[in-house]
């Protein structure tokens, strides 16, 4: 018996702090709790309620859904 997972899944951001004021030349990330209860690092422009894609192999942020 075998199962095949999709390459990514769409999840909702339940809780993440607001972006820090002041631009930065470097990419900054912040923690975000997803609808599954898992916490991952996301770019600072992501806000609560936003749907994002998450890689099923690495568990990392993939982009906006």
PDB file of N, CA and C in Angstrom:
ATOM      1  N   UNK A   1       0.855  -1.175   0.000  1.00  0.00           N
ATOM      2  CA  UNK A   1       0.000   0.000   0.000  1.00  0.00           C
ATOM      3  C   UNK A   1       0.897   1.234   0.000  1.00  0.00           C
ATOM      4  N   UNK A   2       0.565   2.189  -0.814  1.00  0.00           N
ATOM      5  CA  UNK A   2       1.345   3.415  -0.863  1.00  0.00           C
ATOM      6  C   UNK A   2       0.436   4.619  -1.013  1.00  0.00           C
ATOM      7  N   UNK A   3       0.896   5.705  -0.472  1.00  0.00           N
ATOM      8  CA  UNK A   3       0.167   6.961  -0.636  1.00  0.00           C
ATOM      9  C   UNK A   3       1.119   7.991  -1.209  1.00  0.00           C
ATOM     10  N   UNK A   4       0.580   8.923  -1.921  1.00  0.00           N
ATOM     11  CA  UNK A   4       1.393   9.975  -2.508  1.00  0.00           C
ATOM     12  C   UNK A   4       0.842  11.321  -2.051  1.00  0.00           C
ATOM     13  N   UNK A   5       1.682  12.082  -1.371  1.00  0.00           N
ATOM     14  CA  UNK A   5       1.277  13.399  -0.880  1.00  0.00           C
ATOM     15  C   UNK A   5       1.474  14.444  -1.969  1.00  0.00           C
ATOM     16  N   UNK A   6       0.664  15.489  -1.953  1.00  0.00           N
ATOM     17  CA  UNK A   6       0.899  16.590  -2.896  1.00  0.00           C
ATOM     18  C   UNK A   6       2.205  17.302  -2.544  1.00  0.00           C
ATOM     19  N   UNK A   7       2.782  18.000  -3.512  1.00  0.00           N
ATOM     20  CA  UNK A   7       4.045  18.715  -3.284  1.00  0.00           C
ATOM     21  C   UNK A   7       3.880  19.841  -2.276  1.00  0.00           C
ATOM     22  N   UNK A   8       2.673  20.436  -2.235  1.00  0.00           N
ATOM     23  CA  UNK A   8       2.423  21.513  -1.275  1.00  0.00           C
ATOM     24  C   UNK A   8       0.953  21.512  -0.878  1.00  0.00           C
ATOM     25  N   UNK A   9       0.672  22.148   0.244  1.00  0.00           N
ATOM     26  CA  UNK A   9      -0.703  22.287   0.727  1.00  0.00           C
ATOM     27  C   UNK A   9      -0.973  23.759   1.015  1.00  0.00           C
ATOM     28  N   UNK A  10      -2.245  24.143   0.939  1.00  0.00           N
ATOM     29  CA  UNK A  10      -2.651  25.518   1.243  1.00  0.00           C
ATOM     30  C   UNK A  10      -3.171  25.543   2.674  1.00  0.00           C
ATOM     31  N   UNK A  11      -2.588  26.419   3.491  1.00  0.00           N
ATOM     32  CA  UNK A  11      -2.990  26.550   4.890  1.00  0.00           C
ATOM     33  C   UNK A  11      -3.220  28.017   5.219  1.00  0.00           C
ATOM     34  N   UNK A  12      -4.017  28.264   6.252  1.00  0.00           N
ATOM     35  CA  UNK A  12      -4.313  29.635   6.673  1.00  0.00           C
ATOM     36  C   UNK A  12      -3.434  30.032   7.847  1.00  0.00           C
ATOM     37  N   UNK A  13      -2.943  31.270   7.804  1.00  0.00           N
ATOM     38  CA  UNK A  13      -2.165  31.820   8.909  1.00  0.00           C
ATOM     39  C   UNK A  13      -3.149  32.263   9.987  1.00  0.00           C
ATOM     40  N   UNK A  14      -3.030  31.676  11.172  1.00  0.00           N
ATOM     41  CA  UNK A  14      -3.933  31.988  12.280  1.00  0.00           C
ATOM     42  C   UNK A  14      -3.375  33.115  13.143  1.00  0.00           C
ATOM     43  N   UNK A  15      -2.070  33.087  13.399  1.00  0.00           N
ATOM     44  CA  UNK A  15      -1.475  34.093  14.275  1.00  0.00           C
ATOM     45  C   UNK A  15      -0.047  34.386  13.852  1.00  0.00           C
ATOM     46  N   UNK A  16       0.237  35.652  13.622  1.00  0.00           N
ATOM     47  CA  UNK A  16       1.592  36.104  13.321  1.00  0.00           C
ATOM     48  C   UNK A  16       1.696  37.566  13.742  1.00  0.00           C
ATOM     49  N   UNK A  17       2.848  37.975  14.262  1.00  0.00           N
ATOM     50  CA  UNK A  17       2.983  39.378  14.675  1.00  0.00           C
ATOM     51  C   UNK A  17       2.968  40.313  13.467  1.00  0.00           C
ATOM     52  N   UNK A  18       2.605  41.573  13.671  1.00  0.00           N
ATOM     53  CA  UNK A  18       2.616  42.534  12.561  1.00  0.00           C
ATOM     54  C   UNK A  18       4.042  42.794  12.083  1.00  0.00           C
ATOM     55  N   UNK A  19       4.166  43.254  10.843  1.00  0.00           N
ATOM     56  CA  UNK A  19       5.480  43.577  10.279  1.00  0.00           C
ATOM     57  C   UNK A  19       6.090  44.744  11.039  1.00  0.00           C
ATOM     58  N   UNK A  20       7.384  44.718  11.194  1.00  0.00           N
ATOM     59  CA  UNK A  20       8.086  45.813  11.857  1.00  0.00           C
ATOM     60  C   UNK A  20       8.149  47.008  10.932  1.00  0.00           C
ATOM     61  N   UNK A  21       8.008  48.183  11.490  1.00  0.00           N
ATOM     62  CA  UNK A  21       8.089  49.402  10.693  1.00  0.00           C
ATOM     63  C   UNK A  21       9.536  49.650  10.286  1.00  0.00           C
ATOM     64  N   UNK A  22       9.694  50.302   9.155  1.00  0.00           N
ATOM     65  CA  UNK A  22      11.041  50.612   8.681  1.00  0.00           C
ATOM     66  C   UNK A  22      11.500  49.565   7.689  1.00  0.00           C
ATOM     67  N   UNK A  23      11.817  49.997   6.490  1.00  0.00           N
ATOM     68  CA  UNK A  23      12.246  49.065   5.453  1.00  0.00           C
ATOM     69  C   UNK A  23      13.600  48.464   5.755  1.00  0.00           C
ATOM     70  N   UNK A  24      13.835  47.344   5.148  1.00  0.00           N
ATOM     71  CA  UNK A  24      15.106  46.658   5.326  1.00  0.00           C
ATOM     72  C   UNK A  24      15.549  46.119   3.980  1.00  0.00           C
ATOM     73  N   UNK A  25      16.842  46.189   3.710  1.00  0.00           N
ATOM     74  CA  UNK A  25      17.376  45.680   2.457  1.00  0.00           C
ATOM     75  C   UNK A  25      17.465  44.161   2.475  1.00  0.00           C
ATOM     76  N   UNK A  26      17.364  43.586   3.661  1.00  0.00           N
ATOM     77  CA  UNK A  26      17.454  42.131   3.769  1.00  0.00           C
ATOM     78  C   UNK A  26      16.071  41.532   3.976  1.00  0.00           C
ATOM     79  N   UNK A  27      15.925  40.287   3.570  1.00  0.00           N
ATOM     80  CA  UNK A  27      14.656  39.594   3.800  1.00  0.00           C
ATOM     81  C   UNK A  27      14.570  39.237   5.270  1.00  0.00           C
ATOM     82  N   UNK A  28      13.455  39.606   5.876  1.00  0.00           N
ATOM     83  CA  UNK A  28      13.241  39.256   7.279  1.00  0.00           C
ATOM     84  C   UNK A  28      12.076  38.293   7.362  1.00  0.00           C
ATOM     85  N   UNK A  29      12.157  37.387   8.315  1.00  0.00           N
ATOM     86  CA  UNK A  29      11.055  36.452   8.515  1.00  0.00           C
ATOM     87  C   UNK A  29      10.556  36.562   9.944  1.00  0.00           C
ATOM     88  N   UNK A  30       9.385  35.999  10.157  1.00  0.00           N
ATOM     89  CA  UNK A  30       8.770  36.025  11.482  1.00  0.00           C
ATOM     90  C   UNK A  30       8.013  34.717  11.663  1.00  0.00           C
ATOM     91  N   UNK A  31       7.742  34.320  12.902  1.00  0.00           N
ATOM     92  CA  UNK A  31       7.000  33.081  13.119  1.00  0.00           C
ATOM     93  C   UNK A  31       5.515  33.265  12.807  1.00  0.00           C
ATOM     94  N   UNK A  32       4.900  32.201  12.319  1.00  0.00           N
ATOM     95  CA  UNK A  32       3.464  32.217  12.051  1.00  0.00           C
ATOM     96  C   UNK A  32       2.878  30.873  12.450  1.00  0.00           C
ATOM     97  N   UNK A  33       1.758  30.907  13.168  1.00  0.00           N
ATOM     98  CA  UNK A  33       1.045  29.684  13.521  1.00  0.00           C
ATOM     99  C   UNK A  33      -0.017  29.441  12.458  1.00  0.00           C
ATOM    100  N   UNK A  34      -0.046  28.223  11.921  1.00  0.00           N
ATOM    101  CA  UNK A  34      -0.969  27.877  10.849  1.00  0.00           C
ATOM    102  C   UNK A  34      -2.213  27.190  11.398  1.00  0.00           C
ATOM    103  N   UNK A  35      -3.208  26.997  10.535  1.00  0.00           N
ATOM    104  CA  UNK A  35      -4.482  26.403  10.944  1.00  0.00           C
ATOM    105  C   UNK A  35      -4.321  24.990  11.498  1.00  0.00           C
ATOM    106  N   UNK A  36      -3.214  24.330  11.202  1.00  0.00           N
ATOM    107  CA  UNK A  36      -2.949  22.980  11.724  1.00  0.00           C
ATOM    108  C   UNK A  36      -2.281  23.013  13.089  1.00  0.00           C
ATOM    109  N   UNK A  37      -1.872  24.217  13.539  1.00  0.00           N
ATOM    110  CA  UNK A  37      -1.175  24.347  14.812  1.00  0.00           C
ATOM    111  C   UNK A  37       0.335  24.368  14.664  1.00  0.00           C
ATOM    112  N   UNK A  38       0.820  24.110  13.468  1.00  0.00           N
ATOM    113  CA  UNK A  38       2.262  24.114  13.209  1.00  0.00           C
ATOM    114  C   UNK A  38       2.753  25.553  13.111  1.00  0.00           C
ATOM    115  N   UNK A  39       3.961  25.808  13.607  1.00  0.00           N
ATOM    116  CA  UNK A  39       4.567  27.134  13.509  1.00  0.00           C
ATOM    117  C   UNK A  39       5.727  27.074  12.525  1.00  0.00           C
ATOM    118  N   UNK A  40       5.717  27.979  11.529  1.00  0.00           N
ATOM    119  CA  UNK A  40       6.800  28.060  10.558  1.00  0.00           C
ATOM    120  C   UNK A  40       7.246  29.512  10.426  1.00  0.00           C
ATOM    121  N   UNK A  41       8.349  29.733   9.744  1.00  0.00           N
ATOM    122  CA  UNK A  41       8.835  31.075   9.464  1.00  0.00           C
ATOM    123  C   UNK A  41       8.255  31.541   8.130  1.00  0.00           C
ATOM    124  N   UNK A  42       7.736  32.770   8.117  1.00  0.00           N
ATOM    125  CA  UNK A  42       7.164  33.356   6.906  1.00  0.00           C
ATOM    126  C   UNK A  42       7.756  34.749   6.705  1.00  0.00           C
ATOM    127  N   UNK A  43       7.709  35.282   5.474  1.00  0.00           N
ATOM    128  CA  UNK A  43       8.169  36.660   5.254  1.00  0.00           C
ATOM    129  C   UNK A  43       7.326  37.642   6.059  1.00  0.00           C
ATOM    130  N   UNK A  44       7.908  38.796   6.382  1.00  0.00           N
ATOM    131  CA  UNK A  44       7.207  39.732   7.268  1.00  0.00           C
ATOM    132  C   UNK A  44       5.972  40.376   6.649  1.00  0.00           C
ATOM    133  N   UNK A  45       5.771  40.268   5.332  1.00  0.00           N
ATOM    134  CA  UNK A  45       4.583  40.866   4.712  1.00  0.00           C
ATOM    135  C   UNK A  45       3.327  39.993   4.858  1.00  0.00           C
ATOM    136  N   UNK A  46       3.462  38.777   5.355  1.00  0.00           N
ATOM    137  CA  UNK A  46       2.314  37.887   5.545  1.00  0.00           C
ATOM    138  C   UNK A  46       1.524  38.342   6.773  1.00  0.00           C
ATOM    139  N   UNK A  47       0.181  38.342   6.661  1.00  0.00           N
ATOM    140  CA  UNK A  47      -0.677  38.809   7.755  1.00  0.00           C
ATOM    141  C   UNK A  47      -1.646  37.710   8.193  1.00  0.00           C
ATOM    142  N   UNK A  48      -2.277  37.906   9.354  1.00  0.00           N
ATOM    143  CA  UNK A  48      -3.267  36.958   9.868  1.00  0.00           C
ATOM    144  C   UNK A  48      -4.400  36.776   8.868  1.00  0.00           C
ATOM    145  N   UNK A  49      -4.870  35.538   8.719  1.00  0.00           N
ATOM    146  CA  UNK A  49      -5.980  35.246   7.825  1.00  0.00           C
ATOM    147  C   UNK A  49      -5.566  34.954   6.398  1.00  0.00           C
ATOM    148  N   UNK A  50      -4.316  35.187   6.068  1.00  0.00           N
ATOM    149  CA  UNK A  50      -3.842  34.958   4.707  1.00  0.00           C
ATOM    150  C   UNK A  50      -3.615  33.469   4.459  1.00  0.00           C
ATOM    151  N   UNK A  51      -3.896  33.026   3.237  1.00  0.00           N
ATOM    152  CA  UNK A  51      -3.654  31.636   2.866  1.00  0.00           C
ATOM    153  C   UNK A  51      -2.301  31.548   2.157  1.00  0.00           C
ATOM    154  N   UNK A  52      -1.498  30.566   2.587  1.00  0.00           N
ATOM    155  CA  UNK A  52      -0.163  30.382   2.026  1.00  0.00           C
ATOM    156  C   UNK A  52       0.023  28.927   1.614  1.00  0.00           C
ATOM    157  N   UNK A  53       1.002  28.690   0.752  1.00  0.00           N
ATOM    158  CA  UNK A  53       1.354  27.316   0.412  1.00  0.00           C
ATOM    159  C   UNK A  53       2.553  26.904   1.253  1.00  0.00           C
ATOM    160  N   UNK A  54       2.534  25.648   1.690  1.00  0.00           N
ATOM    161  CA  UNK A  54       3.607  25.094   2.509  1.00  0.00           C
ATOM    162  C   UNK A  54       4.056  23.793   1.860  1.00  0.00           C
ATOM    163  N   UNK A  55       5.357  23.627   1.680  1.00  0.00           N
ATOM    164  CA  UNK A  55       5.912  22.409   1.099  1.00  0.00           C
ATOM    165  C   UNK A  55       5.672  21.232   2.035  1.00  0.00           C
ATOM    166  N   UNK A  56       5.181  20.115   1.492  1.00  0.00           N
ATOM    167  CA  UNK A  56       4.956  18.934   2.328  1.00  0.00           C
ATOM    168  C   UNK A  56       6.250  18.169   2.581  1.00  0.00           C
ATOM    169  N   UNK A  57       7.285  18.427   1.799  1.00  0.00           N
ATOM    170  CA  UNK A  57       8.553  17.722   2.012  1.00  0.00           C
ATOM    171  C   UNK A  57       9.453  18.442   3.004  1.00  0.00           C
ATOM    172  N   UNK A  58       9.459  19.781   2.957  1.00  0.00           N
ATOM    173  CA  UNK A  58      10.353  20.540   3.842  1.00  0.00           C
ATOM    174  C   UNK A  58       9.622  21.239   4.981  1.00  0.00           C
ATOM    175  N   UNK A  59       8.309  21.460   4.832  1.00  0.00           N
ATOM    176  CA  UNK A  59       7.548  22.190   5.837  1.00  0.00           C
ATOM    177  C   UNK A  59       7.812  23.678   5.807  1.00  0.00           C
ATOM    178  N   UNK A  60       8.374  24.170   4.703  1.00  0.00           N
ATOM    179  CA  UNK A  60       8.716  25.589   4.595  1.00  0.00           C
ATOM    180  C   UNK A  60       7.679  26.360   3.790  1.00  0.00           C
ATOM    181  N   UNK A  61       7.652  27.677   4.022  1.00  0.00           N
ATOM    182  CA  UNK A  61       6.791  28.606   3.293  1.00  0.00           C
ATOM    183  C   UNK A  61       7.106  28.518   1.801  1.00  0.00           C
ATOM    184  N   UNK A  62       6.046  28.426   0.980  1.00  0.00           N
ATOM    185  CA  UNK A  62       6.247  28.343  -0.459  1.00  0.00           C
ATOM    186  C   UNK A  62       5.780  29.576  -1.204  1.00  0.00           C
ATOM    187  N   UNK A  63       4.838  30.313  -0.633  1.00  0.00           N
ATOM    188  CA  UNK A  63       4.319  31.503  -1.294  1.00  0.00           C
ATOM    189  C   UNK A  63       2.878  31.745  -0.890  1.00  0.00           C
ATOM    190  N   UNK A  64       2.321  32.821  -1.414  1.00  0.00           N
ATOM    191  CA  UNK A  64       0.907  33.113  -1.176  1.00  0.00           C
ATOM    192  C   UNK A  64       0.065  32.183  -2.029  1.00  0.00           C
ATOM    193  N   UNK A  65      -1.087  31.811  -1.508  1.00  0.00           N
ATOM    194  CA  UNK A  65      -1.978  30.908  -2.259  1.00  0.00           C
ATOM    195  C   UNK A  65      -2.931  31.702  -3.131  1.00  0.00           C
TER     196      UNK A  65
END
